[in-house]
Amino acid sequence: MKSLRIGFGFDVHELLADAHFVLGGIAIPSDKGAVGYSDADVLIHAIIDALLGACSLGDIGRQFPDTEEKYKGIDSKFLLQKVMKMARKQGYGLSNLDATVCLQEPKIAAYIPAMTKTLSEVMQVHPTQISIKATTTEGLGYIGAGQGVSAYAVVLMVGNQ
């Protein structure tokens, strides 16, 4: 009998001038970049939390604590690969991923195909299993003021449990 599991993830990072901006595993030119303990890839972090939640494995902070030096500045794609292996070890595979990035600037629509390609390769799934959308907050709040970026992700996992 097939088992279905849904996971939800959310992440937010501050944006600062002269920081690198990595989103969905790719570098995006911008006057501001996200800052965090790792590479601050808010989209991949939300996806990781969704995957971990669906598999009842806690959250990104539990699996990859920011108190461990080995995770400082780490490429989030590597963490995503590890989480996909953990999910597969439990007998789960990705049915689909739906994610939304909330960001005032820069506009990222042109980068979504590259993000989708990168994520599908890292996760070893077909690109049609991944949906990435972008929105603004119409100038409202910390995102609208250009002070931060957030991402939401929902995954449906299928297993033989």
N, C-alpha and C. Protein backbone atom coordinates (compact mmCIF):
# COMPACT_ATOMS: atom_id res chain seq x y z
N MET A 1 0.85 -1.19 0.00
CA MET A 1 0.00 0.00 0.00
C MET A 1 0.89 1.24 0.00
N LYS A 2 0.55 2.18 -0.85
CA LYS A 2 1.31 3.44 -0.94
C LYS A 2 0.97 4.34 0.24
N SER A 3 1.99 5.01 0.73
CA SER A 3 1.83 5.97 1.82
C SER A 3 2.12 7.36 1.29
N LEU A 4 1.27 8.32 1.58
CA LEU A 4 1.47 9.71 1.17
C LEU A 4 1.79 10.55 2.39
N ARG A 5 2.78 11.41 2.27
CA ARG A 5 3.17 12.31 3.36
C ARG A 5 3.33 13.72 2.79
N ILE A 6 2.78 14.70 3.47
CA ILE A 6 2.90 16.10 3.07
C ILE A 6 3.83 16.80 4.04
N GLY A 7 4.71 17.64 3.52
CA GLY A 7 5.61 18.42 4.37
C GLY A 7 5.55 19.89 3.97
N PHE A 8 5.70 20.75 4.96
CA PHE A 8 5.68 22.20 4.73
C PHE A 8 6.97 22.81 5.28
N GLY A 9 7.56 23.73 4.54
CA GLY A 9 8.76 24.41 4.99
C GLY A 9 8.67 25.90 4.79
N PHE A 10 9.32 26.62 5.68
CA PHE A 10 9.39 28.09 5.60
C PHE A 10 10.77 28.52 6.03
N ASP A 11 11.30 29.54 5.38
CA ASP A 11 12.57 30.12 5.81
C ASP A 11 12.59 31.60 5.46
N VAL A 12 13.41 32.33 6.18
CA VAL A 12 13.57 33.76 5.95
C VAL A 12 15.03 34.12 6.24
N HIS A 13 15.56 35.04 5.44
CA HIS A 13 16.92 35.54 5.67
C HIS A 13 16.95 37.04 5.44
N GLU A 14 17.83 37.67 6.17
CA GLU A 14 18.04 39.11 6.01
C GLU A 14 18.82 39.36 4.72
N LEU A 15 18.53 40.48 4.08
CA LEU A 15 19.27 40.91 2.90
C LEU A 15 20.17 42.09 3.28
N LEU A 16 21.44 42.00 2.88
CA LEU A 16 22.40 43.07 3.15
C LEU A 16 23.20 43.39 1.90
N ALA A 17 23.64 44.63 1.80
CA ALA A 17 24.46 45.06 0.67
C ALA A 17 25.77 44.27 0.66
N ASP A 18 26.25 44.02 -0.54
CA ASP A 18 27.54 43.37 -0.77
C ASP A 18 27.62 41.92 -0.33
N ALA A 19 26.48 41.28 -0.03
CA ALA A 19 26.48 39.85 0.26
C ALA A 19 26.10 39.11 -1.03
N HIS A 20 26.55 37.88 -1.16
CA HIS A 20 26.20 37.06 -2.33
C HIS A 20 24.75 36.62 -2.20
N PHE A 21 24.07 36.52 -3.34
CA PHE A 21 22.68 36.09 -3.34
C PHE A 21 22.56 34.76 -4.08
N VAL A 22 22.32 33.71 -3.32
CA VAL A 22 22.14 32.37 -3.87
C VAL A 22 20.70 31.97 -3.61
N LEU A 23 20.02 31.53 -4.65
CA LEU A 23 18.62 31.17 -4.54
C LEU A 23 18.34 29.96 -5.42
N GLY A 24 17.81 28.92 -4.84
CA GLY A 24 17.53 27.72 -5.61
C GLY A 24 18.78 27.09 -6.19
N GLY A 25 19.90 27.30 -5.52
CA GLY A 25 21.15 26.70 -5.94
C GLY A 25 21.93 27.46 -6.98
N ILE A 26 21.45 28.63 -7.38
CA ILE A 26 22.19 29.43 -8.37
C ILE A 26 22.48 30.82 -7.83
N ALA A 27 23.56 31.41 -8.32
CA ALA A 27 23.92 32.78 -7.94
C ALA A 27 23.10 33.74 -8.80
N ILE A 28 22.53 34.74 -8.14
CA ILE A 28 21.71 35.73 -8.83
C ILE A 28 22.34 37.11 -8.61
N PRO A 29 22.61 37.84 -9.69
CA PRO A 29 23.17 39.18 -9.53
C PRO A 29 22.21 40.09 -8.77
N SER A 30 22.72 40.78 -7.78
CA SER A 30 21.88 41.66 -6.97
C SER A 30 22.76 42.60 -6.16
N ASP A 31 22.20 43.77 -5.83
CA ASP A 31 22.90 44.71 -4.96
C ASP A 31 22.93 44.22 -3.53
N LYS A 32 22.00 43.32 -3.19
CA LYS A 32 21.92 42.77 -1.84
C LYS A 32 21.92 41.25 -1.93
N GLY A 33 22.41 40.64 -0.86
CA GLY A 33 22.40 39.19 -0.79
C GLY A 33 21.89 38.74 0.55
N ALA A 34 21.50 37.47 0.62
CA ALA A 34 21.01 36.90 1.87
C ALA A 34 22.18 36.51 2.75
N VAL A 35 22.01 36.72 4.04
CA VAL A 35 23.07 36.36 4.99
C VAL A 35 22.55 35.29 5.95
N GLY A 36 23.44 34.40 6.32
CA GLY A 36 23.10 33.32 7.23
C GLY A 36 24.33 32.50 7.55
N TYR A 37 24.16 31.46 8.32
CA TYR A 37 25.28 30.63 8.73
C TYR A 37 25.84 29.83 7.56
N SER A 38 24.96 29.33 6.70
CA SER A 38 25.40 28.59 5.51
C SER A 38 25.47 29.59 4.36
N ASP A 39 25.10 29.15 3.15
CA ASP A 39 25.07 30.07 2.01
C ASP A 39 23.79 30.90 1.97
N ALA A 40 22.90 30.68 2.95
CA ALA A 40 21.66 31.46 3.11
C ALA A 40 20.70 31.31 1.93
N ASP A 41 20.68 30.13 1.32
CA ASP A 41 19.76 29.86 0.22
C ASP A 41 18.37 29.58 0.81
N VAL A 42 17.57 30.61 0.90
CA VAL A 42 16.27 30.54 1.56
C VAL A 42 15.34 29.53 0.91
N LEU A 43 15.41 29.40 -0.40
CA LEU A 43 14.53 28.46 -1.10
C LEU A 43 14.90 27.01 -0.76
N ILE A 44 16.16 26.68 -0.85
CA ILE A 44 16.57 25.32 -0.52
C ILE A 44 16.31 25.02 0.94
N HIS A 45 16.49 25.98 1.82
CA HIS A 45 16.22 25.75 3.24
C HIS A 45 14.75 25.43 3.48
N ALA A 46 13.85 26.13 2.80
CA ALA A 46 12.42 25.84 2.95
C ALA A 46 12.10 24.45 2.39
N ILE A 47 12.73 24.09 1.28
CA ILE A 47 12.52 22.76 0.70
C ILE A 47 13.02 21.68 1.66
N ILE A 48 14.19 21.89 2.23
CA ILE A 48 14.74 20.92 3.18
C ILE A 48 13.77 20.73 4.36
N ASP A 49 13.27 21.82 4.91
CA ASP A 49 12.34 21.70 6.04
C ASP A 49 11.06 20.96 5.64
N ALA A 50 10.58 21.20 4.41
CA ALA A 50 9.38 20.49 3.95
C ALA A 50 9.66 18.99 3.83
N LEU A 51 10.79 18.63 3.27
CA LEU A 51 11.15 17.22 3.13
C LEU A 51 11.33 16.55 4.49
N LEU A 52 12.04 17.22 5.39
CA LEU A 52 12.25 16.67 6.73
C LEU A 52 10.92 16.51 7.47
N GLY A 53 10.05 17.49 7.34
CA GLY A 53 8.74 17.42 7.98
C GLY A 53 7.91 16.25 7.48
N ALA A 54 7.91 16.05 6.16
CA ALA A 54 7.14 14.96 5.58
C ALA A 54 7.63 13.60 6.07
N CYS A 55 8.92 13.52 6.36
CA CYS A 55 9.51 12.25 6.81
C CYS A 55 9.66 12.16 8.33
N SER A 56 9.10 13.12 9.05
CA SER A 56 9.18 13.16 10.52
C SER A 56 10.62 13.13 11.02
N LEU A 57 11.46 13.93 10.39
CA LEU A 57 12.88 13.98 10.75
C LEU A 57 13.29 15.31 11.37
N GLY A 58 12.32 16.05 11.90
CA GLY A 58 12.66 17.32 12.54
C GLY A 58 12.78 18.45 11.54
N ASP A 59 13.76 19.31 11.76
CA ASP A 59 13.94 20.46 10.88
C ASP A 59 15.41 20.64 10.54
N ILE A 60 15.69 21.64 9.72
CA ILE A 60 17.04 21.88 9.25
C ILE A 60 18.01 22.17 10.39
N GLY A 61 17.54 22.88 11.41
CA GLY A 61 18.39 23.20 12.55
C GLY A 61 18.76 21.97 13.38
N ARG A 62 17.87 21.01 13.42
CA ARG A 62 18.16 19.76 14.16
C ARG A 62 19.15 18.89 13.38
N GLN A 63 18.97 18.81 12.08
CA GLN A 63 19.83 17.97 11.26
C GLN A 63 21.19 18.60 10.96
N PHE A 64 21.21 19.93 10.81
CA PHE A 64 22.43 20.64 10.43
C PHE A 64 22.59 21.88 11.32
N PRO A 65 22.91 21.69 12.60
CA PRO A 65 22.93 22.80 13.55
C PRO A 65 23.97 23.88 13.21
N ASP A 66 23.57 25.13 13.44
CA ASP A 66 24.50 26.23 13.18
C ASP A 66 25.52 26.39 14.31
N THR A 67 25.57 25.44 15.18
CA THR A 67 26.60 25.40 16.22
C THR A 67 27.78 24.54 15.79
N GLU A 68 27.65 23.90 14.63
CA GLU A 68 28.72 23.05 14.12
C GLU A 68 29.47 23.77 13.00
N GLU A 69 30.76 23.91 13.19
CA GLU A 69 31.62 24.64 12.25
C GLU A 69 31.56 24.07 10.83
N LYS A 70 31.34 22.76 10.69
CA LYS A 70 31.35 22.15 9.35
C LYS A 70 30.21 22.65 8.47
N TYR A 71 29.20 23.28 9.05
CA TYR A 71 28.09 23.81 8.26
C TYR A 71 28.24 25.29 7.95
N LYS A 72 29.26 25.94 8.49
CA LYS A 72 29.45 27.37 8.24
C LYS A 72 29.81 27.59 6.77
N GLY A 73 28.98 28.37 6.08
CA GLY A 73 29.21 28.69 4.68
C GLY A 73 28.95 27.55 3.71
N ILE A 74 28.36 26.45 4.17
CA ILE A 74 28.17 25.28 3.33
C ILE A 74 27.18 25.55 2.20
N ASP A 75 27.41 24.88 1.09
CA ASP A 75 26.52 24.96 -0.07
C ASP A 75 25.24 24.18 0.27
N SER A 76 24.12 24.84 0.26
CA SER A 76 22.85 24.22 0.64
C SER A 76 22.46 23.07 -0.29
N LYS A 77 22.97 23.06 -1.51
CA LYS A 77 22.69 21.94 -2.41
C LYS A 77 23.20 20.63 -1.80
N PHE A 78 24.34 20.68 -1.15
CA PHE A 78 24.90 19.49 -0.49
C PHE A 78 23.95 19.01 0.61
N LEU A 79 23.40 19.93 1.39
CA LEU A 79 22.46 19.56 2.46
C LEU A 79 21.19 18.96 1.86
N LEU A 80 20.73 19.52 0.76
CA LEU A 80 19.53 19.00 0.10
C LEU A 80 19.76 17.57 -0.40
N GLN A 81 20.93 17.30 -0.96
CA GLN A 81 21.26 15.94 -1.39
C GLN A 81 21.20 14.97 -0.21
N LYS A 82 21.76 15.40 0.92
CA LYS A 82 21.75 14.54 2.11
C LYS A 82 20.32 14.25 2.58
N VAL A 83 19.47 15.26 2.55
CA VAL A 83 18.08 15.08 2.99
C VAL A 83 17.33 14.16 2.03
N MET A 84 17.56 14.29 0.75
CA MET A 84 16.92 13.39 -0.21
C MET A 84 17.35 11.94 0.05
N LYS A 85 18.61 11.73 0.38
CA LYS A 85 19.08 10.38 0.71
C LYS A 85 18.40 9.86 1.98
N MET A 86 18.21 10.74 2.95
CA MET A 86 17.53 10.35 4.19
C MET A 86 16.09 9.93 3.90
N ALA A 87 15.42 10.71 3.04
CA ALA A 87 14.02 10.39 2.69
C ALA A 87 13.95 9.06 1.96
N ARG A 88 14.85 8.85 1.01
CA ARG A 88 14.85 7.59 0.26
C ARG A 88 15.15 6.40 1.16
N LYS A 89 16.02 6.62 2.13
CA LYS A 89 16.36 5.55 3.08
C LYS A 89 15.11 5.13 3.87
N GLN A 90 14.22 6.08 4.11
CA GLN A 90 12.96 5.78 4.80
C GLN A 90 11.90 5.22 3.85
N GLY A 91 12.23 5.11 2.57
CA GLY A 91 11.30 4.55 1.60
C GLY A 91 10.41 5.57 0.92
N TYR A 92 10.79 6.86 0.98
CA TYR A 92 9.97 7.90 0.37
C TYR A 92 10.65 8.54 -0.83
N GLY A 93 9.86 8.86 -1.83
CA GLY A 93 10.32 9.61 -2.99
C GLY A 93 9.42 10.82 -3.19
N LEU A 94 9.93 11.79 -3.90
CA LEU A 94 9.18 13.02 -4.14
C LEU A 94 8.13 12.82 -5.24
N SER A 95 6.89 13.14 -4.92
CA SER A 95 5.86 13.21 -5.95
C SER A 95 5.93 14.58 -6.60
N ASN A 96 5.84 15.63 -5.77
CA ASN A 96 6.00 16.99 -6.30
C ASN A 96 6.37 17.97 -5.20
N LEU A 97 6.93 19.07 -5.65
CA LEU A 97 7.35 20.19 -4.80
C LEU A 97 6.71 21.45 -5.35
N ASP A 98 6.11 22.24 -4.48
CA ASP A 98 5.55 23.53 -4.86
C ASP A 98 6.15 24.56 -3.92
N ALA A 99 6.84 25.56 -4.47
CA ALA A 99 7.53 26.55 -3.64
C ALA A 99 7.23 27.97 -4.12
N THR A 100 7.23 28.89 -3.17
CA THR A 100 7.04 30.31 -3.48
C THR A 100 8.13 31.12 -2.78
N VAL A 101 8.78 31.98 -3.53
CA VAL A 101 9.78 32.90 -2.98
C VAL A 101 9.13 34.28 -2.89
N CYS A 102 9.26 34.91 -1.72
CA CYS A 102 8.74 36.27 -1.51
C CYS A 102 9.92 37.22 -1.45
N LEU A 103 9.97 38.13 -2.44
CA LEU A 103 11.13 39.00 -2.60
C LEU A 103 10.72 40.23 -3.38
N GLN A 104 11.08 41.41 -2.90
CA GLN A 104 10.74 42.63 -3.61
C GLN A 104 11.68 42.84 -4.80
N GLU A 105 12.97 42.74 -4.57
CA GLU A 105 14.00 42.93 -5.60
C GLU A 105 15.15 42.00 -5.28
N PRO A 106 15.82 41.47 -6.26
CA PRO A 106 15.61 41.61 -7.70
C PRO A 106 14.47 40.72 -8.19
N LYS A 107 14.00 41.00 -9.36
CA LYS A 107 12.99 40.15 -9.99
C LYS A 107 13.68 38.84 -10.39
N ILE A 108 13.06 37.72 -10.08
CA ILE A 108 13.73 36.44 -10.30
C ILE A 108 13.06 35.53 -11.33
N ALA A 109 11.99 35.98 -11.96
CA ALA A 109 11.26 35.12 -12.90
C ALA A 109 12.18 34.52 -13.97
N ALA A 110 13.12 35.28 -14.46
CA ALA A 110 14.01 34.80 -15.52
C ALA A 110 14.95 33.69 -15.02
N TYR A 111 15.13 33.58 -13.72
CA TYR A 111 16.05 32.59 -13.14
C TYR A 111 15.34 31.30 -12.73
N ILE A 112 14.02 31.30 -12.76
CA ILE A 112 13.27 30.12 -12.30
C ILE A 112 13.59 28.87 -13.12
N PRO A 113 13.70 28.94 -14.45
CA PRO A 113 14.07 27.72 -15.18
C PRO A 113 15.42 27.13 -14.74
N ALA A 114 16.41 27.98 -14.50
CA ALA A 114 17.72 27.50 -14.05
C ALA A 114 17.63 26.92 -12.65
N MET A 115 16.83 27.53 -11.78
CA MET A 115 16.65 26.99 -10.43
C MET A 115 15.99 25.62 -10.51
N THR A 116 14.96 25.51 -11.34
CA THR A 116 14.25 24.24 -11.49
C THR A 116 15.19 23.16 -11.99
N LYS A 117 16.00 23.48 -12.97
CA LYS A 117 16.97 22.52 -13.52
C LYS A 117 17.97 22.09 -12.45
N THR A 118 18.52 23.05 -11.73
CA THR A 118 19.50 22.75 -10.69
C THR A 118 18.89 21.89 -9.59
N LEU A 119 17.71 22.27 -9.12
CA LEU A 119 17.06 21.50 -8.05
C LEU A 119 16.70 20.10 -8.51
N SER A 120 16.25 19.95 -9.75
CA SER A 120 15.88 18.61 -10.23
C SER A 120 17.12 17.72 -10.30
N GLU A 121 18.25 18.28 -10.68
CA GLU A 121 19.50 17.51 -10.72
C GLU A 121 19.96 17.13 -9.31
N VAL A 122 19.92 18.07 -8.40
CA VAL A 122 20.36 17.81 -7.03
C VAL A 122 19.45 16.78 -6.36
N MET A 123 18.14 16.92 -6.59
CA MET A 123 17.17 16.03 -5.95
C MET A 123 16.96 14.73 -6.72
N GLN A 124 17.51 14.65 -7.92
CA GLN A 124 17.38 13.49 -8.80
C GLN A 124 15.90 13.17 -9.09
N VAL A 125 15.18 14.22 -9.52
CA VAL A 125 13.79 14.09 -9.91
C VAL A 125 13.60 14.80 -11.25
N HIS A 126 12.47 14.55 -11.90
CA HIS A 126 12.18 15.21 -13.17
C HIS A 126 11.81 16.67 -12.91
N PRO A 127 12.23 17.59 -13.78
CA PRO A 127 11.90 19.01 -13.58
C PRO A 127 10.40 19.29 -13.44
N THR A 128 9.55 18.46 -14.05
CA THR A 128 8.10 18.70 -13.95
C THR A 128 7.56 18.40 -12.55
N GLN A 129 8.38 17.81 -11.70
CA GLN A 129 7.98 17.56 -10.31
C GLN A 129 8.22 18.78 -9.42
N ILE A 130 8.79 19.83 -10.00
CA ILE A 130 9.16 21.02 -9.23
C ILE A 130 8.46 22.25 -9.80
N SER A 131 7.80 22.98 -8.92
CA SER A 131 7.17 24.24 -9.29
C SER A 131 7.73 25.33 -8.38
N ILE A 132 8.28 26.37 -8.99
CA ILE A 132 8.80 27.52 -8.23
C ILE A 132 8.07 28.76 -8.72
N LYS A 133 7.55 29.51 -7.78
CA LYS A 133 6.85 30.75 -8.11
C LYS A 133 7.51 31.90 -7.33
N ALA A 134 7.28 33.10 -7.79
CA ALA A 134 7.81 34.28 -7.11
C ALA A 134 6.71 35.30 -6.92
N THR A 135 6.80 36.01 -5.82
CA THR A 135 5.84 37.09 -5.55
C THR A 135 6.54 38.19 -4.76
N THR A 136 5.92 39.34 -4.73
CA THR A 136 6.40 40.44 -3.88
C THR A 136 5.38 40.61 -2.75
N THR A 137 5.66 41.55 -1.88
CA THR A 137 4.68 41.88 -0.85
C THR A 137 4.11 43.28 -1.10
N GLU A 138 4.20 43.70 -2.37
CA GLU A 138 3.65 45.00 -2.77
C GLU A 138 4.20 46.14 -1.91
N GLY A 139 5.47 46.02 -1.55
CA GLY A 139 6.12 47.08 -0.78
C GLY A 139 5.86 47.05 0.71
N LEU A 140 5.13 46.06 1.20
CA LEU A 140 4.77 46.00 2.61
C LEU A 140 5.77 45.16 3.42
N GLY A 141 5.97 45.53 4.67
CA GLY A 141 6.79 44.76 5.59
C GLY A 141 8.27 44.76 5.28
N TYR A 142 9.00 43.87 5.99
CA TYR A 142 10.45 43.81 5.83
C TYR A 142 10.84 43.35 4.43
N ILE A 143 10.02 42.50 3.81
CA ILE A 143 10.33 42.06 2.45
C ILE A 143 10.13 43.22 1.48
N GLY A 144 9.02 43.91 1.62
CA GLY A 144 8.73 45.05 0.75
C GLY A 144 9.73 46.17 0.88
N ALA A 145 10.33 46.29 2.07
CA ALA A 145 11.35 47.32 2.31
C ALA A 145 12.73 46.87 1.82
N GLY A 146 12.81 45.66 1.28
CA GLY A 146 14.09 45.16 0.78
C GLY A 146 15.03 44.68 1.86
N GLN A 147 14.49 44.41 3.05
CA GLN A 147 15.33 43.98 4.17
C GLN A 147 15.45 42.47 4.28
N GLY A 148 14.59 41.72 3.57
CA GLY A 148 14.64 40.28 3.71
C GLY A 148 14.00 39.56 2.55
N VAL A 149 14.17 38.24 2.57
CA VAL A 149 13.60 37.34 1.57
C VAL A 149 13.06 36.13 2.33
N SER A 150 11.94 35.60 1.88
CA SER A 150 11.40 34.39 2.50
C SER A 150 10.98 33.41 1.42
N ALA A 151 10.81 32.17 1.83
CA ALA A 151 10.35 31.14 0.91
C ALA A 151 9.48 30.15 1.66
N TYR A 152 8.50 29.63 0.94
CA TYR A 152 7.59 28.61 1.43
C TYR A 152 7.71 27.41 0.49
N ALA A 153 7.62 26.21 1.04
CA ALA A 153 7.67 25.02 0.22
C ALA A 153 6.72 23.95 0.77
N VAL A 154 6.06 23.27 -0.13
CA VAL A 154 5.20 22.14 0.22
C VAL A 154 5.63 20.96 -0.66
N VAL A 155 5.79 19.79 -0.03
CA VAL A 155 6.14 18.60 -0.79
C VAL A 155 5.11 17.50 -0.53
N LEU A 156 4.90 16.68 -1.54
CA LEU A 156 4.13 15.46 -1.39
C LEU A 156 5.11 14.31 -1.63
N MET A 157 5.25 13.48 -0.61
CA MET A 157 6.14 12.33 -0.68
C MET A 157 5.32 11.06 -0.79
N VAL A 158 5.81 10.12 -1.58
CA VAL A 158 5.13 8.84 -1.78
C VAL A 158 6.08 7.74 -1.31
N GLY A 159 5.52 6.83 -0.51
CA GLY A 159 6.33 5.74 0.00
C GLY A 159 5.59 4.42 -0.01
N ASN A 160 6.31 3.39 0.25
CA ASN A 160 5.73 2.04 0.33
C ASN A 160 5.63 1.62 1.79
N GLN A 161 4.99 2.42 2.59
CA GLN A 161 4.89 2.16 4.03
C GLN A 161 3.59 1.44 4.37
